[in-house]
């Protein structure tokens, strides 16, 4: 229902963005790199993108697999440099 209703999807994605920002703030280590470097934000965005992609695939699936397995498959496509 959320993915099929534009207003609900907008609210959901806005909340995810806020959570993503909190994760980035937690992961940033000021001693290692300036916060202007996009690497931490890019990795967090990739992880959240995998979550949304997995949710879409899981909801569209007729096989009834677990959401966790879809998340694992999506995350396995991400390879940090």
PDB file of N, CA and C in Angstrom:
ATOM      1  N   UNK A   1       0.816  -1.185   0.000  1.00  0.00           N
ATOM      2  CA  UNK A   1       0.000   0.000   0.000  1.00  0.00           C
ATOM      3  C   UNK A   1       0.869   1.263   0.000  1.00  0.00           C
ATOM      4  N   UNK A   2       1.938   1.249   0.794  1.00  0.00           N
ATOM      5  CA  UNK A   2       2.808   2.425   0.873  1.00  0.00           C
ATOM      6  C   UNK A   2       3.448   2.704  -0.479  1.00  0.00           C
ATOM      7  N   UNK A   3       3.957   1.662  -1.143  1.00  0.00           N
ATOM      8  CA  UNK A   3       4.644   1.855  -2.416  1.00  0.00           C
ATOM      9  C   UNK A   3       3.687   2.202  -3.544  1.00  0.00           C
ATOM     10  N   UNK A   4       2.412   1.970  -3.366  1.00  0.00           N
ATOM     11  CA  UNK A   4       1.423   2.248  -4.404  1.00  0.00           C
ATOM     12  C   UNK A   4       0.699   3.574  -4.196  1.00  0.00           C
ATOM     13  N   UNK A   5       0.951   4.245  -3.073  1.00  0.00           N
ATOM     14  CA  UNK A   5       0.298   5.512  -2.765  1.00  0.00           C
ATOM     15  C   UNK A   5       1.364   6.604  -2.706  1.00  0.00           C
ATOM     16  N   UNK A   6       1.377   7.510  -3.684  1.00  0.00           N
ATOM     17  CA  UNK A   6       2.454   8.513  -3.744  1.00  0.00           C
ATOM     18  C   UNK A   6       2.648   9.305  -2.443  1.00  0.00           C
ATOM     19  N   UNK A   7       1.573   9.690  -1.795  1.00  0.00           N
ATOM     20  CA  UNK A   7       1.695  10.473  -0.568  1.00  0.00           C
ATOM     21  C   UNK A   7       2.346   9.656   0.544  1.00  0.00           C
ATOM     22  N   UNK A   8       1.945   8.393   0.682  1.00  0.00           N
ATOM     23  CA  UNK A   8       2.529   7.538   1.714  1.00  0.00           C
ATOM     24  C   UNK A   8       3.986   7.216   1.392  1.00  0.00           C
ATOM     25  N   UNK A   9       4.268   7.008   0.118  1.00  0.00           N
ATOM     26  CA  UNK A   9       5.643   6.731  -0.292  1.00  0.00           C
ATOM     27  C   UNK A   9       6.545   7.922   0.008  1.00  0.00           C
ATOM     28  N   UNK A  10       6.045   9.125  -0.241  1.00  0.00           N
ATOM     29  CA  UNK A  10       6.830  10.330   0.036  1.00  0.00           C
ATOM     30  C   UNK A  10       7.155  10.434   1.526  1.00  0.00           C
ATOM     31  N   UNK A  11       6.184  10.179   2.372  1.00  0.00           N
ATOM     32  CA  UNK A  11       6.409  10.234   3.818  1.00  0.00           C
ATOM     33  C   UNK A  11       7.400   9.148   4.240  1.00  0.00           C
ATOM     34  N   UNK A  12       7.237   7.955   3.694  1.00  0.00           N
ATOM     35  CA  UNK A  12       8.129   6.837   4.017  1.00  0.00           C
ATOM     36  C   UNK A  12       9.568   7.153   3.615  1.00  0.00           C
ATOM     37  N   UNK A  13       9.759   7.634   2.398  1.00  0.00           N
ATOM     38  CA  UNK A  13      11.109   7.956   1.926  1.00  0.00           C
ATOM     39  C   UNK A  13      11.716   9.116   2.709  1.00  0.00           C
ATOM     40  N   UNK A  14      10.892  10.068   3.109  1.00  0.00           N
ATOM     41  CA  UNK A  14      11.372  11.185   3.924  1.00  0.00           C
ATOM     42  C   UNK A  14      11.861  10.672   5.285  1.00  0.00           C
ATOM     43  N   UNK A  15      11.116   9.755   5.882  1.00  0.00           N
ATOM     44  CA  UNK A  15      11.546   9.170   7.159  1.00  0.00           C
ATOM     45  C   UNK A  15      12.839   8.372   6.984  1.00  0.00           C
ATOM     46  N   UNK A  16      12.922   7.598   5.901  1.00  0.00           N
ATOM     47  CA  UNK A  16      14.155   6.843   5.642  1.00  0.00           C
ATOM     48  C   UNK A  16      15.347   7.775   5.486  1.00  0.00           C
ATOM     49  N   UNK A  17      15.133   8.903   4.825  1.00  0.00           N
ATOM     50  CA  UNK A  17      16.210   9.875   4.636  1.00  0.00           C
ATOM     51  C   UNK A  17      16.701  10.402   5.988  1.00  0.00           C
ATOM     52  N   UNK A  18      15.772  10.678   6.891  1.00  0.00           N
ATOM     53  CA  UNK A  18      16.148  11.131   8.225  1.00  0.00           C
ATOM     54  C   UNK A  18      16.947  10.079   8.982  1.00  0.00           C
ATOM     55  N   UNK A  19      16.517   8.831   8.872  1.00  0.00           N
ATOM     56  CA  UNK A  19      17.242   7.730   9.516  1.00  0.00           C
ATOM     57  C   UNK A  19      18.626   7.586   8.890  1.00  0.00           C
ATOM     58  N   UNK A  20      18.681   7.714   7.566  1.00  0.00           N
ATOM     59  CA  UNK A  20      19.966   7.623   6.862  1.00  0.00           C
ATOM     60  C   UNK A  20      20.909   8.712   7.352  1.00  0.00           C
ATOM     61  N   UNK A  21      20.419   9.927   7.512  1.00  0.00           N
ATOM     62  CA  UNK A  21      21.259  11.016   8.019  1.00  0.00           C
ATOM     63  C   UNK A  21      21.788  10.701   9.416  1.00  0.00           C
ATOM     64  N   UNK A  22      20.945  10.099  10.252  1.00  0.00           N
ATOM     65  CA  UNK A  22      21.379   9.728  11.603  1.00  0.00           C
ATOM     66  C   UNK A  22      22.465   8.656  11.542  1.00  0.00           C
ATOM     67  N   UNK A  23      22.311   7.701  10.647  1.00  0.00           N
ATOM     68  CA  UNK A  23      23.318   6.649  10.485  1.00  0.00           C
ATOM     69  C   UNK A  23      24.631   7.261  10.025  1.00  0.00           C
ATOM     70  N   UNK A  24      24.570   8.158   9.061  1.00  0.00           N
ATOM     71  CA  UNK A  24      25.785   8.811   8.566  1.00  0.00           C
ATOM     72  C   UNK A  24      26.471   9.566   9.697  1.00  0.00           C
ATOM     73  N   UNK A  25      25.697  10.288  10.499  1.00  0.00           N
ATOM     74  CA  UNK A  25      26.274  11.025  11.622  1.00  0.00           C
ATOM     75  C   UNK A  25      26.956  10.114  12.619  1.00  0.00           C
ATOM     76  N   UNK A  26      26.404   8.933  12.798  1.00  0.00           N
ATOM     77  CA  UNK A  26      26.991   7.958  13.718  1.00  0.00           C
ATOM     78  C   UNK A  26      28.264   7.345  13.142  1.00  0.00           C
ATOM     79  N   UNK A  27      28.272   7.115  11.834  1.00  0.00           N
ATOM     80  CA  UNK A  27      29.412   6.457  11.199  1.00  0.00           C
ATOM     81  C   UNK A  27      30.595   7.378  10.958  1.00  0.00           C
ATOM     82  N   UNK A  28      30.327   8.670  10.821  1.00  0.00           N
ATOM     83  CA  UNK A  28      31.420   9.604  10.543  1.00  0.00           C
ATOM     84  C   UNK A  28      32.411   9.636  11.697  1.00  0.00           C
ATOM     85  N   UNK A  29      33.657   9.505  11.373  1.00  0.00           N
ATOM     86  CA  UNK A  29      34.722   9.600  12.352  1.00  0.00           C
ATOM     87  C   UNK A  29      35.522  10.857  12.029  1.00  0.00           C
ATOM     88  N   UNK A  30      35.330  11.913  12.804  1.00  0.00           N
ATOM     89  CA  UNK A  30      35.996  13.181  12.491  1.00  0.00           C
ATOM     90  C   UNK A  30      37.514  13.076  12.460  1.00  0.00           C
ATOM     91  N   UNK A  31      38.082  12.096  13.138  1.00  0.00           N
ATOM     92  CA  UNK A  31      39.541  11.947  13.157  1.00  0.00           C
ATOM     93  C   UNK A  31      40.071  11.368  11.853  1.00  0.00           C
ATOM     94  N   UNK A  32      39.227  10.653  11.099  1.00  0.00           N
ATOM     95  CA  UNK A  32      39.699   9.986   9.885  1.00  0.00           C
ATOM     96  C   UNK A  32      39.576  10.843   8.632  1.00  0.00           C
ATOM     97  N   UNK A  33      38.470  11.528   8.470  1.00  0.00           N
ATOM     98  CA  UNK A  33      38.254  12.276   7.233  1.00  0.00           C
ATOM     99  C   UNK A  33      37.292  13.436   7.495  1.00  0.00           C
ATOM    100  N   UNK A  34      37.412  14.484   6.698  1.00  0.00           N
ATOM    101  CA  UNK A  34      36.459  15.583   6.866  1.00  0.00           C
ATOM    102  C   UNK A  34      35.056  15.133   6.461  1.00  0.00           C
ATOM    103  N   UNK A  35      34.019  15.680   7.099  1.00  0.00           N
ATOM    104  CA  UNK A  35      32.655  15.258   6.791  1.00  0.00           C
ATOM    105  C   UNK A  35      32.189  15.642   5.385  1.00  0.00           C
ATOM    106  N   UNK A  36      33.014  16.397   4.663  1.00  0.00           N
ATOM    107  CA  UNK A  36      32.644  16.767   3.301  1.00  0.00           C
ATOM    108  C   UNK A  36      32.895  15.638   2.308  1.00  0.00           C
ATOM    109  N   UNK A  37      33.670  14.615   2.709  1.00  0.00           N
ATOM    110  CA  UNK A  37      33.920  13.484   1.813  1.00  0.00           C
ATOM    111  C   UNK A  37      32.636  12.665   1.670  1.00  0.00           C
ATOM    112  N   UNK A  38      32.288  12.268   0.456  1.00  0.00           N
ATOM    113  CA  UNK A  38      31.008  11.600   0.235  1.00  0.00           C
ATOM    114  C   UNK A  38      30.998  10.099   0.511  1.00  0.00           C
ATOM    115  N   UNK A  39      32.130   9.528   0.915  1.00  0.00           N
ATOM    116  CA  UNK A  39      32.194   8.070   0.994  1.00  0.00           C
ATOM    117  C   UNK A  39      31.223   7.476   2.011  1.00  0.00           C
ATOM    118  N   UNK A  40      31.181   8.010   3.212  1.00  0.00           N
ATOM    119  CA  UNK A  40      30.276   7.468   4.231  1.00  0.00           C
ATOM    120  C   UNK A  40      28.831   7.650   3.816  1.00  0.00           C
ATOM    121  N   UNK A  41      28.506   8.834   3.314  1.00  0.00           N
ATOM    122  CA  UNK A  41      27.132   9.089   2.871  1.00  0.00           C
ATOM    123  C   UNK A  41      26.774   8.171   1.700  1.00  0.00           C
ATOM    124  N   UNK A  42      27.703   7.928   0.797  1.00  0.00           N
ATOM    125  CA  UNK A  42      27.431   7.060  -0.353  1.00  0.00           C
ATOM    126  C   UNK A  42      27.185   5.623   0.092  1.00  0.00           C
ATOM    127  N   UNK A  43      27.975   5.137   1.040  1.00  0.00           N
ATOM    128  CA  UNK A  43      27.780   3.769   1.533  1.00  0.00           C
ATOM    129  C   UNK A  43      26.444   3.629   2.262  1.00  0.00           C
ATOM    130  N   UNK A  44      26.093   4.626   3.063  1.00  0.00           N
ATOM    131  CA  UNK A  44      24.801   4.582   3.753  1.00  0.00           C
ATOM    132  C   UNK A  44      23.657   4.633   2.748  1.00  0.00           C
ATOM    133  N   UNK A  45      23.778   5.481   1.737  1.00  0.00           N
ATOM    134  CA  UNK A  45      22.737   5.580   0.709  1.00  0.00           C
ATOM    135  C   UNK A  45      22.593   4.267  -0.052  1.00  0.00           C
ATOM    136  N   UNK A  46      23.710   3.618  -0.327  1.00  0.00           N
ATOM    137  CA  UNK A  46      23.667   2.325  -1.019  1.00  0.00           C
ATOM    138  C   UNK A  46      22.941   1.290  -0.167  1.00  0.00           C
ATOM    139  N   UNK A  47      23.225   1.277   1.125  1.00  0.00           N
ATOM    140  CA  UNK A  47      22.559   0.325   2.016  1.00  0.00           C
ATOM    141  C   UNK A  47      21.057   0.585   2.079  1.00  0.00           C
ATOM    142  N   UNK A  48      20.676   1.845   2.193  1.00  0.00           N
ATOM    143  CA  UNK A  48      19.253   2.166   2.233  1.00  0.00           C
ATOM    144  C   UNK A  48      18.589   1.898   0.882  1.00  0.00           C
ATOM    145  N   UNK A  49      19.323   2.110  -0.202  1.00  0.00           N
ATOM    146  CA  UNK A  49      18.802   1.769  -1.531  1.00  0.00           C
ATOM    147  C   UNK A  49      18.559   0.282  -1.652  1.00  0.00           C
ATOM    148  N   UNK A  50      19.456  -0.512  -1.078  1.00  0.00           N
ATOM    149  CA  UNK A  50      19.278  -1.969  -1.076  1.00  0.00           C
ATOM    150  C   UNK A  50      18.034  -2.351  -0.285  1.00  0.00           C
ATOM    151  N   UNK A  51      17.799  -1.681   0.820  1.00  0.00           N
ATOM    152  CA  UNK A  51      16.612  -1.957   1.622  1.00  0.00           C
ATOM    153  C   UNK A  51      15.343  -1.715   0.813  1.00  0.00           C
ATOM    154  N   UNK A  52      15.263  -0.568   0.160  1.00  0.00           N
ATOM    155  CA  UNK A  52      14.070  -0.237  -0.623  1.00  0.00           C
ATOM    156  C   UNK A  52      13.916  -1.192  -1.806  1.00  0.00           C
ATOM    157  N   UNK A  53      15.013  -1.499  -2.494  1.00  0.00           N
ATOM    158  CA  UNK A  53      14.954  -2.437  -3.621  1.00  0.00           C
ATOM    159  C   UNK A  53      14.494  -3.813  -3.153  1.00  0.00           C
ATOM    160  N   UNK A  54      15.002  -4.249  -2.006  1.00  0.00           N
ATOM    161  CA  UNK A  54      14.605  -5.550  -1.464  1.00  0.00           C
ATOM    162  C   UNK A  54      13.128  -5.552  -1.091  1.00  0.00           C
ATOM    163  N   UNK A  55      12.655  -4.470  -0.518  1.00  0.00           N
ATOM    164  CA  UNK A  55      11.233  -4.384  -0.171  1.00  0.00           C
ATOM    165  C   UNK A  55      10.361  -4.495  -1.419  1.00  0.00           C
ATOM    166  N   UNK A  56      10.732  -3.778  -2.463  1.00  0.00           N
ATOM    167  CA  UNK A  56       9.970  -3.843  -3.718  1.00  0.00           C
ATOM    168  C   UNK A  56       9.944  -5.269  -4.267  1.00  0.00           C
ATOM    169  N   UNK A  57      11.112  -5.899  -4.329  1.00  0.00           N
ATOM    170  CA  UNK A  57      11.192  -7.256  -4.876  1.00  0.00           C
ATOM    171  C   UNK A  57      10.428  -8.248  -4.012  1.00  0.00           C
ATOM    172  N   UNK A  58      10.537  -8.114  -2.707  1.00  0.00           N
ATOM    173  CA  UNK A  58       9.861  -9.026  -1.784  1.00  0.00           C
ATOM    174  C   UNK A  58       8.351  -8.909  -1.919  1.00  0.00           C
ATOM    175  N   UNK A  59       7.865  -7.666  -2.000  1.00  0.00           N
ATOM    176  CA  UNK A  59       6.421  -7.461  -2.137  1.00  0.00           C
ATOM    177  C   UNK A  59       5.892  -7.964  -3.476  1.00  0.00           C
ATOM    178  N   UNK A  60       6.709  -7.882  -4.517  1.00  0.00           N
ATOM    179  CA  UNK A  60       6.284  -8.327  -5.850  1.00  0.00           C
ATOM    180  C   UNK A  60       6.449  -9.827  -6.042  1.00  0.00           C
ATOM    181  N   UNK A  61       7.158 -10.471  -5.128  1.00  0.00           N
ATOM    182  CA  UNK A  61       7.472 -11.884  -5.285  1.00  0.00           C
ATOM    183  C   UNK A  61       6.279 -12.769  -4.947  1.00  0.00           C
ATOM    184  N   UNK A  62       6.160 -13.827  -5.710  1.00  0.00           N
ATOM    185  CA  UNK A  62       5.126 -14.824  -5.428  1.00  0.00           C
ATOM    186  C   UNK A  62       5.725 -16.026  -4.707  1.00  0.00           C
ATOM    187  N   UNK A  63       7.034 -16.013  -4.475  1.00  0.00           N
ATOM    188  CA  UNK A  63       7.690 -17.183  -3.891  1.00  0.00           C
ATOM    189  C   UNK A  63       7.580 -17.230  -2.379  1.00  0.00           C
ATOM    190  N   UNK A  64       7.342 -16.085  -1.741  1.00  0.00           N
ATOM    191  CA  UNK A  64       7.190 -16.068  -0.295  1.00  0.00           C
ATOM    192  C   UNK A  64       8.482 -16.178   0.490  1.00  0.00           C
ATOM    193  N   UNK A  65       9.615 -15.851  -0.134  1.00  0.00           N
ATOM    194  CA  UNK A  65      10.886 -15.860   0.592  1.00  0.00           C
ATOM    195  C   UNK A  65      10.897 -14.784   1.670  1.00  0.00           C
ATOM    196  N   UNK A  66      11.912 -14.825   2.516  1.00  0.00           N
ATOM    197  CA  UNK A  66      11.992 -13.843   3.594  1.00  0.00           C
ATOM    198  C   UNK A  66      12.536 -12.515   3.079  1.00  0.00           C
ATOM    199  N   UNK A  67      12.108 -11.438   3.717  1.00  0.00           N
ATOM    200  CA  UNK A  67      12.629 -10.118   3.376  1.00  0.00           C
ATOM    201  C   UNK A  67      14.136 -10.082   3.612  1.00  0.00           C
ATOM    202  N   UNK A  68      14.592 -10.738   4.655  1.00  0.00           N
ATOM    203  CA  UNK A  68      16.031 -10.767   4.961  1.00  0.00           C
ATOM    204  C   UNK A  68      16.835 -11.352   3.804  1.00  0.00           C
ATOM    205  N   UNK A  69      16.307 -12.379   3.155  1.00  0.00           N
ATOM    206  CA  UNK A  69      17.048 -12.970   2.033  1.00  0.00           C
ATOM    207  C   UNK A  69      17.113 -11.998   0.859  1.00  0.00           C
ATOM    208  N   UNK A  70      16.056 -11.220   0.656  1.00  0.00           N
ATOM    209  CA  UNK A  70      16.075 -10.213  -0.409  1.00  0.00           C
ATOM    210  C   UNK A  70      17.066  -9.099  -0.072  1.00  0.00           C
ATOM    211  N   UNK A  71      17.126  -8.706   1.180  1.00  0.00           N
ATOM    212  CA  UNK A  71      18.090  -7.687   1.593  1.00  0.00           C
ATOM    213  C   UNK A  71      19.510  -8.211   1.397  1.00  0.00           C
ATOM    214  N   UNK A  72      19.751  -9.447   1.799  1.00  0.00           N
ATOM    215  CA  UNK A  72      21.081 -10.052   1.609  1.00  0.00           C
ATOM    216  C   UNK A  72      21.485 -10.058   0.147  1.00  0.00           C
ATOM    217  N   UNK A  73      20.557 -10.433  -0.729  1.00  0.00           N
ATOM    218  CA  UNK A  73      20.854 -10.473  -2.163  1.00  0.00           C
ATOM    219  C   UNK A  73      21.153  -9.069  -2.694  1.00  0.00           C
ATOM    220  N   UNK A  74      20.382  -8.094  -2.265  1.00  0.00           N
ATOM    221  CA  UNK A  74      20.616  -6.723  -2.723  1.00  0.00           C
ATOM    222  C   UNK A  74      21.960  -6.199  -2.212  1.00  0.00           C
ATOM    223  N   UNK A  75      22.252  -6.452  -0.941  1.00  0.00           N
ATOM    224  CA  UNK A  75      23.510  -5.978  -0.357  1.00  0.00           C
ATOM    225  C   UNK A  75      24.713  -6.654  -0.995  1.00  0.00           C
ATOM    226  N   UNK A  76      24.545  -7.876  -1.460  1.00  0.00           N
ATOM    227  CA  UNK A  76      25.651  -8.605  -2.088  1.00  0.00           C
ATOM    228  C   UNK A  76      26.077  -7.963  -3.415  1.00  0.00           C
ATOM    229  N   UNK A  77      25.238  -7.112  -3.980  1.00  0.00           N
ATOM    230  CA  UNK A  77      25.596  -6.457  -5.234  1.00  0.00           C
ATOM    231  C   UNK A  77      26.480  -5.233  -5.013  1.00  0.00           C
ATOM    232  N   UNK A  78      26.592  -4.782  -3.769  1.00  0.00           N
ATOM    233  CA  UNK A  78      27.385  -3.596  -3.453  1.00  0.00           C
ATOM    234  C   UNK A  78      28.809  -4.026  -3.109  1.00  0.00           C
ATOM    235  N   UNK A  79      29.765  -3.449  -3.818  1.00  0.00           N
ATOM    236  CA  UNK A  79      31.174  -3.756  -3.571  1.00  0.00           C
ATOM    237  C   UNK A  79      31.922  -2.459  -3.329  1.00  0.00           C
ATOM    238  N   UNK A  80      32.318  -2.206  -2.084  1.00  0.00           N
ATOM    239  CA  UNK A  80      33.076  -0.969  -1.817  1.00  0.00           C
ATOM    240  C   UNK A  80      34.438  -1.012  -2.499  1.00  0.00           C
ATOM    241  N   UNK A  81      34.867   0.141  -2.940  1.00  0.00           N
ATOM    242  CA  UNK A  81      36.181   0.245  -3.604  1.00  0.00           C
ATOM    243  C   UNK A  81      37.286   0.329  -2.585  1.00  0.00           C
TER     244      UNK A  81
END
